[in-house]
N, C-alpha and C. Protein backbone atom coordinates (compact mmCIF):
# COMPACT_ATOMS: atom_id res chain seq x y z
N MET A 1 -5.56 -11.07 16.54
CA MET A 1 -5.33 -11.77 15.28
C MET A 1 -6.06 -11.07 14.14
N LYS A 2 -7.29 -10.60 14.43
CA LYS A 2 -8.07 -9.91 13.40
C LYS A 2 -7.32 -8.68 12.90
N ASN A 3 -6.73 -7.89 13.83
CA ASN A 3 -5.98 -6.70 13.43
C ASN A 3 -4.74 -7.08 12.65
N LYS A 4 -4.08 -8.19 13.01
CA LYS A 4 -2.89 -8.63 12.29
C LYS A 4 -3.25 -9.03 10.87
N THR A 5 -4.37 -9.74 10.68
CA THR A 5 -4.83 -10.11 9.34
C THR A 5 -5.18 -8.87 8.54
N ALA A 6 -5.88 -7.93 9.17
CA ALA A 6 -6.25 -6.69 8.49
C ALA A 6 -5.01 -5.91 8.09
N LEU A 7 -4.01 -5.84 9.00
CA LEU A 7 -2.78 -5.13 8.69
C LEU A 7 -2.03 -5.81 7.57
N SER A 8 -1.97 -7.15 7.58
CA SER A 8 -1.31 -7.88 6.49
C SER A 8 -1.99 -7.59 5.16
N PHE A 9 -3.31 -7.65 5.15
CA PHE A 9 -4.08 -7.37 3.93
C PHE A 9 -3.80 -5.94 3.47
N PHE A 10 -3.77 -5.00 4.41
CA PHE A 10 -3.49 -3.60 4.12
C PHE A 10 -2.11 -3.44 3.49
N ILE A 11 -1.09 -4.04 4.10
CA ILE A 11 0.27 -3.93 3.58
C ILE A 11 0.36 -4.54 2.19
N ILE A 12 -0.24 -5.71 2.02
CA ILE A 12 -0.22 -6.37 0.71
C ILE A 12 -0.79 -5.45 -0.35
N LEU A 13 -1.96 -4.92 -0.10
CA LEU A 13 -2.60 -4.09 -1.10
C LEU A 13 -1.88 -2.77 -1.28
N CYS A 14 -1.38 -2.20 -0.20
CA CYS A 14 -0.65 -0.93 -0.32
C CYS A 14 0.61 -1.06 -1.15
N LEU A 15 1.32 -2.15 -0.97
CA LEU A 15 2.59 -2.32 -1.65
C LEU A 15 2.47 -3.06 -2.96
N VAL A 16 1.75 -4.15 -2.95
CA VAL A 16 1.64 -4.99 -4.13
C VAL A 16 0.98 -4.24 -5.28
N LEU A 17 0.07 -3.38 -4.98
CA LEU A 17 -0.68 -2.72 -6.02
C LEU A 17 0.09 -1.60 -6.70
N PHE A 18 1.25 -1.25 -6.17
CA PHE A 18 1.99 -0.13 -6.73
C PHE A 18 3.17 -0.56 -7.57
N VAL A 19 3.17 -1.77 -8.08
CA VAL A 19 4.29 -2.30 -8.85
C VAL A 19 4.41 -1.54 -10.16
N LYS A 20 5.57 -0.95 -10.37
CA LYS A 20 5.80 -0.23 -11.62
C LYS A 20 5.79 -1.19 -12.78
N GLY A 21 5.33 -0.72 -13.92
CA GLY A 21 5.29 -1.55 -15.11
C GLY A 21 3.93 -2.17 -15.33
N ASP A 22 3.16 -2.35 -14.26
CA ASP A 22 1.83 -2.91 -14.41
C ASP A 22 0.80 -1.82 -14.73
N ASN A 23 1.20 -0.56 -14.59
CA ASN A 23 0.32 0.57 -14.88
C ASN A 23 -1.01 0.47 -14.14
N ILE A 24 -0.96 0.04 -12.88
CA ILE A 24 -2.18 -0.05 -12.11
C ILE A 24 -2.26 1.03 -11.04
N TRP A 25 -1.22 1.84 -10.89
CA TRP A 25 -1.27 2.90 -9.90
C TRP A 25 -0.90 4.22 -10.54
N GLN A 26 -1.36 5.28 -9.89
CA GLN A 26 -0.97 6.64 -10.27
C GLN A 26 -1.17 7.54 -9.06
N TYR A 27 -0.52 8.69 -9.11
CA TYR A 27 -0.73 9.64 -8.03
C TYR A 27 -2.17 10.11 -8.04
N CYS A 28 -2.72 10.38 -6.86
CA CYS A 28 -4.10 10.84 -6.74
C CYS A 28 -4.27 12.16 -7.49
N PRO A 29 -5.45 12.37 -8.07
CA PRO A 29 -5.70 13.66 -8.74
C PRO A 29 -5.51 14.80 -7.74
N GLY A 30 -4.81 15.82 -8.16
CA GLY A 30 -4.58 16.98 -7.31
C GLY A 30 -3.51 16.79 -6.25
N THR A 31 -2.76 15.68 -6.30
CA THR A 31 -1.70 15.45 -5.32
C THR A 31 -0.66 16.55 -5.42
N VAL A 32 -0.37 17.15 -4.28
CA VAL A 32 0.57 18.26 -4.24
C VAL A 32 1.82 17.85 -3.46
N ASN A 33 2.96 17.96 -4.10
CA ASN A 33 4.27 17.79 -3.46
C ASN A 33 4.41 16.55 -2.57
N PRO A 34 4.26 15.35 -3.11
CA PRO A 34 4.52 14.18 -2.26
C PRO A 34 5.98 14.18 -1.84
N THR A 35 6.24 13.82 -0.57
CA THR A 35 7.61 13.84 -0.07
C THR A 35 8.31 12.49 -0.23
N PHE A 36 7.60 11.47 -0.73
CA PHE A 36 8.21 10.17 -1.00
C PHE A 36 8.11 9.87 -2.48
N LYS A 37 9.24 9.57 -3.08
CA LYS A 37 9.30 9.22 -4.50
C LYS A 37 9.67 7.76 -4.63
N ILE A 38 8.86 6.98 -5.35
CA ILE A 38 9.13 5.56 -5.56
C ILE A 38 10.10 5.41 -6.72
N ASN A 39 11.24 4.76 -6.46
CA ASN A 39 12.18 4.44 -7.54
C ASN A 39 11.85 3.09 -8.14
N SER A 40 11.60 2.10 -7.27
CA SER A 40 11.23 0.77 -7.77
C SER A 40 10.47 0.02 -6.69
N LEU A 41 9.64 -0.90 -7.16
CA LEU A 41 8.94 -1.78 -6.26
C LEU A 41 8.79 -3.11 -6.96
N THR A 42 9.24 -4.17 -6.31
CA THR A 42 9.10 -5.49 -6.91
C THR A 42 8.37 -6.41 -5.93
N VAL A 43 7.62 -7.32 -6.50
CA VAL A 43 6.89 -8.32 -5.73
C VAL A 43 7.13 -9.65 -6.41
N GLU A 44 7.52 -10.65 -5.62
CA GLU A 44 7.71 -12.01 -6.15
C GLU A 44 6.87 -12.97 -5.35
N PRO A 45 6.00 -13.75 -5.94
CA PRO A 45 5.72 -13.76 -7.37
C PRO A 45 4.86 -12.55 -7.76
N SER A 46 4.88 -12.25 -9.03
CA SER A 46 4.09 -11.15 -9.55
C SER A 46 3.18 -11.67 -10.66
N PRO A 47 1.88 -11.56 -10.49
CA PRO A 47 1.19 -11.01 -9.33
C PRO A 47 1.18 -11.99 -8.17
N PRO A 48 1.00 -11.47 -6.95
CA PRO A 48 0.92 -12.35 -5.78
C PRO A 48 -0.29 -13.27 -5.90
N LYS A 49 -0.23 -14.37 -5.21
CA LYS A 49 -1.31 -15.35 -5.23
C LYS A 49 -1.97 -15.42 -3.85
N ILE A 50 -3.29 -15.47 -3.84
CA ILE A 50 -4.04 -15.61 -2.60
C ILE A 50 -3.64 -16.93 -1.93
N GLY A 51 -3.38 -16.89 -0.63
CA GLY A 51 -3.00 -18.08 0.12
C GLY A 51 -1.52 -18.41 0.06
N LYS A 52 -0.71 -17.59 -0.57
CA LYS A 52 0.74 -17.82 -0.71
C LYS A 52 1.52 -16.65 -0.11
N SER A 53 2.82 -16.85 0.06
CA SER A 53 3.70 -15.78 0.52
C SER A 53 4.24 -15.01 -0.67
N CYS A 54 4.52 -13.74 -0.45
CA CYS A 54 5.18 -12.94 -1.48
C CYS A 54 6.25 -12.09 -0.80
N ILE A 55 7.27 -11.76 -1.57
CA ILE A 55 8.37 -10.93 -1.08
C ILE A 55 8.23 -9.56 -1.73
N VAL A 56 8.18 -8.54 -0.90
CA VAL A 56 8.01 -7.16 -1.36
C VAL A 56 9.32 -6.42 -1.13
N GLN A 57 9.82 -5.75 -2.17
CA GLN A 57 11.02 -4.93 -2.06
C GLN A 57 10.71 -3.55 -2.63
N LEU A 58 10.82 -2.53 -1.78
CA LEU A 58 10.50 -1.15 -2.14
C LEU A 58 11.75 -0.31 -2.00
N ASP A 59 12.01 0.54 -2.99
CA ASP A 59 13.15 1.44 -2.97
C ASP A 59 12.65 2.82 -3.38
N GLY A 60 12.99 3.82 -2.59
CA GLY A 60 12.56 5.17 -2.91
C GLY A 60 13.38 6.19 -2.16
N SER A 61 12.90 7.42 -2.18
CA SER A 61 13.60 8.52 -1.54
C SER A 61 12.60 9.39 -0.80
N LEU A 62 12.93 9.67 0.45
CA LEU A 62 12.09 10.50 1.30
C LEU A 62 12.74 11.87 1.41
N GLU A 63 11.99 12.92 1.13
CA GLU A 63 12.54 14.27 1.12
C GLU A 63 12.64 14.90 2.50
N GLN A 64 11.83 14.43 3.47
CA GLN A 64 11.84 15.00 4.81
C GLN A 64 11.76 13.88 5.84
N ASP A 65 12.30 14.14 7.04
CA ASP A 65 12.22 13.16 8.12
C ASP A 65 10.76 12.88 8.47
N VAL A 66 10.48 11.64 8.84
CA VAL A 66 9.15 11.25 9.32
C VAL A 66 9.32 10.70 10.73
N THR A 67 8.73 11.40 11.70
CA THR A 67 8.79 10.95 13.09
C THR A 67 7.50 10.28 13.52
N SER A 68 6.43 10.57 12.80
CA SER A 68 5.14 9.92 13.02
C SER A 68 4.27 10.24 11.81
N GLY A 69 3.11 9.66 11.76
CA GLY A 69 2.21 9.92 10.65
C GLY A 69 1.07 8.92 10.63
N SER A 70 0.23 9.07 9.64
CA SER A 70 -0.92 8.17 9.54
C SER A 70 -1.18 7.82 8.08
N SER A 71 -1.89 6.72 7.92
CA SER A 71 -2.28 6.31 6.58
C SER A 71 -3.78 6.05 6.58
N THR A 72 -4.39 6.36 5.46
CA THR A 72 -5.81 6.06 5.24
C THR A 72 -5.89 5.27 3.96
N PHE A 73 -6.52 4.11 4.05
CA PHE A 73 -6.61 3.20 2.91
C PHE A 73 -8.07 2.89 2.64
N GLN A 74 -8.55 3.36 1.50
CA GLN A 74 -9.93 3.11 1.08
C GLN A 74 -9.89 2.13 -0.08
N ILE A 75 -10.74 1.13 -0.01
CA ILE A 75 -10.74 0.11 -1.05
C ILE A 75 -12.17 -0.29 -1.39
N GLU A 76 -12.36 -0.61 -2.66
CA GLU A 76 -13.65 -1.11 -3.13
C GLU A 76 -13.41 -2.42 -3.87
N TYR A 77 -14.40 -3.31 -3.76
CA TYR A 77 -14.34 -4.64 -4.37
C TYR A 77 -15.50 -4.74 -5.35
N PHE A 78 -15.23 -5.23 -6.56
CA PHE A 78 -16.26 -5.35 -7.59
C PHE A 78 -16.98 -6.68 -7.43
N VAL A 79 -18.27 -6.62 -7.13
CA VAL A 79 -19.07 -7.83 -6.93
C VAL A 79 -20.50 -7.58 -7.42
N ALA A 80 -21.05 -8.57 -8.07
CA ALA A 80 -22.44 -8.52 -8.56
C ALA A 80 -22.69 -7.27 -9.41
N GLY A 81 -21.69 -6.90 -10.22
CA GLY A 81 -21.86 -5.79 -11.15
C GLY A 81 -21.71 -4.41 -10.55
N ASN A 82 -21.32 -4.32 -9.28
CA ASN A 82 -21.19 -3.02 -8.62
C ASN A 82 -19.92 -2.96 -7.77
N TRP A 83 -19.40 -1.75 -7.60
CA TRP A 83 -18.28 -1.51 -6.69
C TRP A 83 -18.84 -1.36 -5.29
N ARG A 84 -18.33 -2.17 -4.35
CA ARG A 84 -18.78 -2.15 -2.96
C ARG A 84 -17.62 -1.69 -2.08
N PRO A 85 -17.85 -0.64 -1.28
CA PRO A 85 -16.78 -0.20 -0.39
C PRO A 85 -16.52 -1.22 0.71
N LEU A 86 -15.26 -1.45 1.00
CA LEU A 86 -14.85 -2.28 2.12
C LEU A 86 -14.49 -1.35 3.27
N PRO A 87 -14.31 -1.88 4.47
CA PRO A 87 -13.95 -1.00 5.59
C PRO A 87 -12.69 -0.19 5.28
N THR A 88 -12.69 1.07 5.68
CA THR A 88 -11.53 1.94 5.52
C THR A 88 -10.54 1.63 6.64
N PHE A 89 -9.27 1.50 6.28
CA PHE A 89 -8.22 1.24 7.26
C PHE A 89 -7.52 2.55 7.59
N HIS A 90 -7.38 2.82 8.89
CA HIS A 90 -6.59 3.95 9.38
C HIS A 90 -5.48 3.35 10.23
N ASN A 91 -4.24 3.67 9.90
CA ASN A 91 -3.11 3.09 10.63
C ASN A 91 -2.07 4.14 10.96
N ASP A 92 -1.32 3.87 12.01
CA ASP A 92 -0.16 4.65 12.38
C ASP A 92 0.98 4.19 11.47
N VAL A 93 1.58 5.11 10.74
CA VAL A 93 2.68 4.77 9.83
C VAL A 93 3.78 4.02 10.58
N CYS A 94 4.03 4.39 11.82
CA CYS A 94 5.12 3.78 12.60
C CYS A 94 4.78 2.38 13.09
N SER A 95 3.56 1.91 12.87
CA SER A 95 3.24 0.51 13.19
C SER A 95 3.68 -0.40 12.04
N ILE A 96 3.97 0.18 10.89
CA ILE A 96 4.39 -0.58 9.71
C ILE A 96 5.91 -0.51 9.53
N ILE A 97 6.47 0.67 9.78
CA ILE A 97 7.92 0.87 9.68
C ILE A 97 8.41 1.44 11.01
N SER A 98 9.69 1.32 11.28
CA SER A 98 10.27 1.87 12.51
C SER A 98 10.54 3.36 12.34
N CYS A 99 9.97 4.15 13.21
CA CYS A 99 10.18 5.60 13.18
C CYS A 99 11.20 5.97 14.25
N PRO A 100 11.95 7.05 14.09
CA PRO A 100 11.86 7.99 12.97
C PRO A 100 12.55 7.44 11.72
N VAL A 101 12.10 7.96 10.58
CA VAL A 101 12.73 7.64 9.29
C VAL A 101 13.38 8.93 8.80
N LYS A 102 14.67 8.88 8.60
CA LYS A 102 15.41 10.06 8.15
C LYS A 102 15.20 10.30 6.66
N ALA A 103 15.27 11.56 6.27
CA ALA A 103 15.20 11.92 4.85
C ALA A 103 16.34 11.22 4.12
N GLY A 104 16.08 10.87 2.87
CA GLY A 104 17.10 10.21 2.06
C GLY A 104 16.58 8.90 1.51
N PRO A 105 17.50 8.05 1.07
CA PRO A 105 17.08 6.76 0.49
C PRO A 105 16.31 5.93 1.51
N PHE A 106 15.30 5.22 1.03
CA PHE A 106 14.48 4.37 1.90
C PHE A 106 14.26 3.04 1.21
N GLN A 107 14.52 1.96 1.95
CA GLN A 107 14.28 0.62 1.41
C GLN A 107 13.43 -0.16 2.39
N PHE A 108 12.54 -0.99 1.85
CA PHE A 108 11.64 -1.82 2.65
C PHE A 108 11.61 -3.19 2.01
N ASN A 109 11.98 -4.21 2.77
CA ASN A 109 11.95 -5.60 2.30
C ASN A 109 11.15 -6.40 3.30
N HIS A 110 10.16 -7.13 2.82
CA HIS A 110 9.29 -7.85 3.73
C HIS A 110 8.64 -9.04 3.04
N THR A 111 8.51 -10.14 3.77
CA THR A 111 7.76 -11.29 3.27
C THR A 111 6.38 -11.25 3.90
N ILE A 112 5.36 -11.36 3.07
CA ILE A 112 3.98 -11.25 3.51
C ILE A 112 3.19 -12.47 3.05
N ASN A 113 2.38 -12.99 3.95
CA ASN A 113 1.46 -14.07 3.60
C ASN A 113 0.15 -13.44 3.16
N VAL A 114 -0.31 -13.76 1.96
CA VAL A 114 -1.59 -13.27 1.47
C VAL A 114 -2.66 -14.19 2.05
N PRO A 115 -3.54 -13.67 2.93
CA PRO A 115 -4.52 -14.53 3.59
C PRO A 115 -5.39 -15.31 2.60
N ILE A 116 -5.62 -16.57 2.92
CA ILE A 116 -6.45 -17.44 2.07
C ILE A 116 -7.89 -16.93 2.02
N ILE A 117 -8.30 -16.15 3.01
CA ILE A 117 -9.67 -15.64 3.05
C ILE A 117 -9.89 -14.44 2.13
N THR A 118 -8.82 -13.94 1.50
CA THR A 118 -8.95 -12.80 0.59
C THR A 118 -9.75 -13.23 -0.63
N PRO A 119 -10.88 -12.58 -0.91
CA PRO A 119 -11.66 -12.97 -2.08
C PRO A 119 -10.95 -12.59 -3.38
N LYS A 120 -11.00 -13.49 -4.37
CA LYS A 120 -10.42 -13.14 -5.67
C LYS A 120 -11.36 -12.15 -6.34
N GLY A 121 -10.77 -11.34 -7.23
CA GLY A 121 -11.58 -10.38 -7.95
C GLY A 121 -10.88 -9.07 -8.17
N GLN A 122 -11.65 -8.09 -8.61
CA GLN A 122 -11.12 -6.78 -8.96
C GLN A 122 -11.27 -5.82 -7.79
N TYR A 123 -10.20 -5.05 -7.54
CA TYR A 123 -10.16 -4.08 -6.45
C TYR A 123 -9.71 -2.73 -7.01
N LYS A 124 -10.23 -1.66 -6.40
CA LYS A 124 -9.71 -0.32 -6.68
C LYS A 124 -9.74 0.46 -5.39
N GLY A 125 -8.92 1.48 -5.32
CA GLY A 125 -8.91 2.26 -4.10
C GLY A 125 -7.86 3.33 -4.09
N GLN A 126 -7.61 3.83 -2.89
CA GLN A 126 -6.67 4.92 -2.70
C GLN A 126 -5.99 4.77 -1.35
N ILE A 127 -4.70 5.08 -1.32
CA ILE A 127 -3.98 5.16 -0.06
C ILE A 127 -3.33 6.53 0.04
N GLN A 128 -3.50 7.14 1.22
CA GLN A 128 -2.86 8.43 1.48
C GLN A 128 -2.06 8.30 2.76
N LEU A 129 -0.82 8.77 2.71
CA LEU A 129 0.05 8.80 3.89
C LEU A 129 0.44 10.23 4.16
N VAL A 130 0.33 10.64 5.43
CA VAL A 130 0.73 11.98 5.84
C VAL A 130 1.70 11.85 7.01
N ASP A 131 2.56 12.86 7.17
CA ASP A 131 3.55 12.82 8.24
C ASP A 131 3.05 13.54 9.49
N GLN A 132 3.95 13.73 10.44
CA GLN A 132 3.64 14.34 11.73
C GLN A 132 3.09 15.76 11.61
N SER A 133 3.37 16.44 10.51
CA SER A 133 2.87 17.81 10.28
C SER A 133 1.71 17.83 9.30
N ASN A 134 1.14 16.65 9.03
CA ASN A 134 0.04 16.49 8.09
C ASN A 134 0.45 16.82 6.65
N ARG A 135 1.76 16.75 6.37
CA ARG A 135 2.25 16.93 5.00
C ARG A 135 2.05 15.62 4.25
N ASN A 136 1.79 15.73 2.97
CA ASN A 136 1.56 14.58 2.11
C ASN A 136 2.86 13.80 1.89
N ILE A 137 2.94 12.56 2.41
CA ILE A 137 4.06 11.69 2.07
C ILE A 137 3.82 11.16 0.66
N THR A 138 2.66 10.59 0.44
CA THR A 138 2.23 10.19 -0.90
C THR A 138 0.75 9.90 -0.88
N CYS A 139 0.15 9.95 -2.05
CA CYS A 139 -1.25 9.56 -2.24
C CYS A 139 -1.32 8.87 -3.59
N LEU A 140 -1.81 7.64 -3.58
CA LEU A 140 -1.86 6.83 -4.80
C LEU A 140 -3.23 6.19 -4.96
N THR A 141 -3.64 6.03 -6.21
CA THR A 141 -4.84 5.26 -6.53
C THR A 141 -4.41 4.01 -7.27
N PHE A 142 -5.25 2.98 -7.23
CA PHE A 142 -4.91 1.73 -7.90
C PHE A 142 -6.17 1.04 -8.41
N ASN A 143 -5.94 0.09 -9.32
CA ASN A 143 -6.99 -0.78 -9.84
C ASN A 143 -6.29 -2.08 -10.25
N THR A 144 -6.67 -3.21 -9.63
CA THR A 144 -6.00 -4.47 -9.91
C THR A 144 -6.91 -5.66 -9.64
N THR A 145 -6.43 -6.84 -9.98
CA THR A 145 -7.16 -8.09 -9.76
C THR A 145 -6.28 -9.05 -8.96
N LEU A 146 -6.86 -9.70 -7.95
CA LEU A 146 -6.18 -10.73 -7.17
C LEU A 146 -6.81 -12.08 -7.48
N ASN A 147 -5.98 -13.13 -7.62
CA ASN A 147 -6.44 -14.49 -7.93
C ASN A 147 -5.68 -15.51 -7.10
N TYR A 148 -6.15 -16.77 -7.20
CA TYR A 148 -5.47 -17.89 -6.54
C TYR A 148 -4.32 -18.35 -7.39
């Protein structure tokens, strides 16, 4: 159950934080040739609410097949006037989506429950995804606030 909650929190932050139009994400400094291009990402409600469900819809294009890969998610939480690192999440990309994923259009639709135990406040971090050949799928940084 602990891993399922951690994975849910990971997916929420990975996807919810990249909503276009909110200007809270950007490609990591020095990012070279990401193979996934985001066309659109929507989250309803926007912003998501702690303790509620949200619907995530992602649309993009993958330039190369992905048969396996990994993600690294680093996050910091602002508390008591300082940024505090939270545990880093390392996940198998294929535990989140069904592999293999063929090059071309990619869509992801999912309903996610935002755990009630998620503390409200400001978060910043980075997610990097690499494929089976350690090629950069994407690397993004974010800065956002979660509330009830």
